[in-house]
Amino acid sequence: MAEPPQTDVSRPSALPTANLLPRGARPLVDQTSSEYLDSVEEEWNKKVDVEIETLADGMVDLVNLASIGDKDKFKIAQEAFQAQFRAESMIRAANSLLSIVHSMKLLLLLSDEAQIVNRRDAELNATRKEKEEAKDQVAQILSELLRRPANA
């Protein structure tokens, strides 16, 4: 019998165990819906705060590096490297903020079905009420028009 070809690919014999909850996190079953939503909101706020702080610190550092004075070539090269590094970190933070905004837009569009259904139902009920009021007005005007010739 021929042996299977040998490869460099590792073939694990068993799946590793995984812990799906982060350390210190309570299981989702113990959290109420509002607690869960508050924790998710706090996570998003922390992410945004970190990126905004990175942008603000980078801007302050760039302004400090832009000082004019007596500098030798080494100091100029060092400040140019620092400025480039700060600008790159600011670009990463800005891209991260754009990604966060995109994710939040998707969450708003895709996961808020209950609110969308409630809004649609409220609009439908308001439209039905307006329709009934319009029908009553038309019936009242029609009855007034039909009574006039009879009185004349």
Protein backbone atom coordinates (compact mmCIF):
# COMPACT_ATOMS: atom_id res chain seq x y z
CA MET A 1 0.00 0.00 0.00
CA ALA A 2 1.29 3.48 -0.90
CA GLU A 3 1.96 5.97 1.86
CA PRO A 4 0.25 9.39 1.74
CA PRO A 5 2.53 12.14 0.46
CA GLN A 6 4.43 14.04 3.14
CA THR A 7 3.86 17.75 3.45
CA ASP A 8 4.93 20.57 5.74
CA VAL A 9 1.33 21.31 6.68
CA SER A 10 0.53 20.61 10.32
CA ARG A 11 -2.49 18.43 10.87
CA PRO A 12 -3.82 18.81 14.39
CA SER A 13 -5.46 15.70 15.72
CA ALA A 14 -7.88 17.52 18.02
CA LEU A 15 -9.36 20.97 18.13
CA PRO A 16 -8.01 23.19 20.90
CA THR A 17 -10.40 24.26 23.59
CA ALA A 18 -11.51 27.86 23.46
CA ASN A 19 -12.87 30.30 25.96
CA LEU A 20 -15.26 32.57 24.11
CA LEU A 21 -15.72 35.09 26.92
CA PRO A 22 -12.96 37.62 27.62
CA ARG A 23 -11.36 37.45 31.04
CA GLY A 24 -13.42 39.11 33.70
CA ALA A 25 -16.51 39.35 31.48
CA ARG A 26 -19.75 38.11 32.89
CA PRO A 27 -21.71 35.63 30.83
CA LEU A 28 -24.34 37.31 28.68
CA VAL A 29 -27.12 35.37 30.38
CA ASP A 30 -26.52 37.24 33.66
CA GLN A 31 -26.81 40.63 31.95
CA THR A 32 -30.08 42.32 31.25
CA SER A 33 -30.62 43.82 27.83
CA SER A 34 -29.99 47.37 29.03
CA GLU A 35 -26.79 46.33 30.85
CA TYR A 36 -25.53 44.62 27.72
CA LEU A 37 -26.34 47.63 25.55
CA ASP A 38 -24.66 49.94 28.07
CA SER A 39 -21.50 47.82 28.02
CA VAL A 40 -21.45 47.78 24.21
CA GLU A 41 -21.95 51.55 24.13
CA GLU A 42 -19.11 51.98 26.63
CA GLU A 43 -16.81 49.85 24.44
CA TRP A 44 -17.57 52.01 21.39
CA ASN A 45 -17.02 55.18 23.42
CA LYS A 46 -13.65 53.90 24.64
CA LYS A 47 -12.56 53.08 21.09
CA VAL A 48 -13.54 56.54 19.85
CA ASP A 49 -11.88 58.23 22.84
CA VAL A 50 -8.60 56.39 22.23
CA GLU A 51 -8.51 57.37 18.56
CA ILE A 52 -9.44 61.00 19.25
CA GLU A 53 -6.75 61.19 21.94
CA THR A 54 -4.21 59.78 19.48
CA LEU A 55 -5.16 62.43 16.93
CA ALA A 56 -4.99 65.25 19.48
CA ASP A 57 -1.64 64.11 20.92
CA GLY A 58 -0.22 63.73 17.42
CA MET A 59 -1.28 67.24 16.50
CA VAL A 60 0.29 68.67 19.68
CA ASP A 61 3.54 66.79 18.97
CA LEU A 62 3.61 68.00 15.37
CA VAL A 63 3.19 71.60 16.51
CA ASN A 64 5.97 71.16 19.07
CA LEU A 65 8.26 69.65 16.44
CA ALA A 66 7.68 72.57 14.11
CA SER A 67 9.66 74.97 16.29
CA ILE A 68 12.09 77.22 14.50
CA GLY A 69 15.56 77.66 15.85
CA ASP A 70 19.21 76.78 15.57
CA LYS A 71 19.33 73.12 14.61
CA ASP A 72 22.02 70.87 13.25
CA LYS A 73 21.42 68.28 10.53
CA PHE A 74 21.03 65.43 13.01
CA LYS A 75 18.34 67.30 14.98
CA ILE A 76 16.50 68.18 11.74
CA ALA A 77 16.59 64.54 10.58
CA GLN A 78 15.44 63.35 14.00
CA GLU A 79 12.50 65.78 14.05
CA ALA A 80 11.57 64.83 10.47
CA PHE A 81 11.45 61.17 11.50
CA GLN A 82 9.36 62.01 14.57
CA ALA A 83 6.98 64.11 12.47
CA GLN A 84 6.61 61.32 9.92
CA PHE A 85 5.97 58.79 12.68
CA ARG A 86 3.33 61.03 14.30
CA ALA A 87 1.64 61.70 10.96
CA GLU A 88 1.45 57.96 10.25
CA SER A 89 -0.06 57.25 13.67
CA MET A 90 -2.59 60.03 13.09
CA ILE A 91 -3.50 58.52 9.72
CA ARG A 92 -4.02 55.13 11.37
CA ALA A 93 -6.22 56.73 14.04
CA ALA A 94 -8.25 58.58 11.39
CA ASN A 95 -8.72 55.36 9.40
CA SER A 96 -9.76 53.59 12.57
CA LEU A 97 -12.33 56.31 13.26
CA LEU A 98 -13.67 55.93 9.72
CA SER A 99 -13.96 52.20 10.31
CA ILE A 100 -15.80 52.81 13.58
CA VAL A 101 -18.21 55.21 11.85
CA HIS A 102 -18.84 52.65 9.11
CA SER A 103 -19.50 49.92 11.69
CA MET A 104 -21.87 52.15 13.61
CA LYS A 105 -23.78 52.99 10.43
CA LEU A 106 -24.13 49.29 9.64
CA LEU A 107 -25.28 48.57 13.18
CA LEU A 108 -27.88 51.28 12.91
CA LEU A 109 -29.10 50.10 9.54
CA LEU A 110 -29.06 46.36 10.12
CA SER A 111 -29.63 45.63 13.78
CA ASP A 112 -32.38 48.01 14.81
CA GLU A 113 -35.26 46.10 13.26
CA ALA A 114 -37.57 46.47 16.24
CA GLN A 115 -37.39 50.25 16.18
CA ILE A 116 -37.89 50.28 12.41
CA VAL A 117 -40.96 48.04 12.77
CA ASN A 118 -42.33 50.24 15.57
CA ARG A 119 -41.79 53.38 13.49
CA ARG A 120 -43.45 51.76 10.47
CA ASP A 121 -46.42 50.63 12.57
CA ALA A 122 -46.80 54.08 14.12
CA GLU A 123 -46.70 55.68 10.66
CA LEU A 124 -49.24 53.14 9.39
CA ASN A 125 -51.57 53.84 12.31
CA ALA A 126 -51.23 57.60 11.80
CA THR A 127 -51.99 57.19 8.09
CA ARG A 128 -55.05 55.05 8.84
CA LYS A 129 -56.27 57.63 11.34
CA GLU A 130 -55.80 60.41 8.78
CA LYS A 131 -57.67 58.30 6.22
CA GLU A 132 -60.61 57.78 8.57
CA GLU A 133 -60.69 61.50 9.38
CA ALA A 134 -60.64 62.34 5.67
CA LYS A 135 -63.48 59.84 5.06
CA ASP A 136 -65.52 61.46 7.83
CA GLN A 137 -64.89 64.91 6.36
CA VAL A 138 -65.88 63.75 2.88
CA ALA A 139 -69.03 62.10 4.25
CA GLN A 140 -69.93 65.25 6.16
CA ILE A 141 -69.38 67.51 3.13
CA LEU A 142 -71.33 65.10 0.92
CA SER A 143 -74.26 64.99 3.32
CA GLU A 144 -74.25 68.81 3.49
CA LEU A 145 -74.25 69.02 -0.32
CA LEU A 146 -77.07 66.49 -0.62
CA ARG A 147 -79.20 68.32 1.99
CA ARG A 148 -78.93 71.72 0.29
CA PRO A 149 -80.92 70.90 -2.84
CA ALA A 150 -83.62 69.29 -0.74
CA ASN A 151 -84.02 72.48 1.37
CA ALA A 152 -83.99 74.77 -1.68
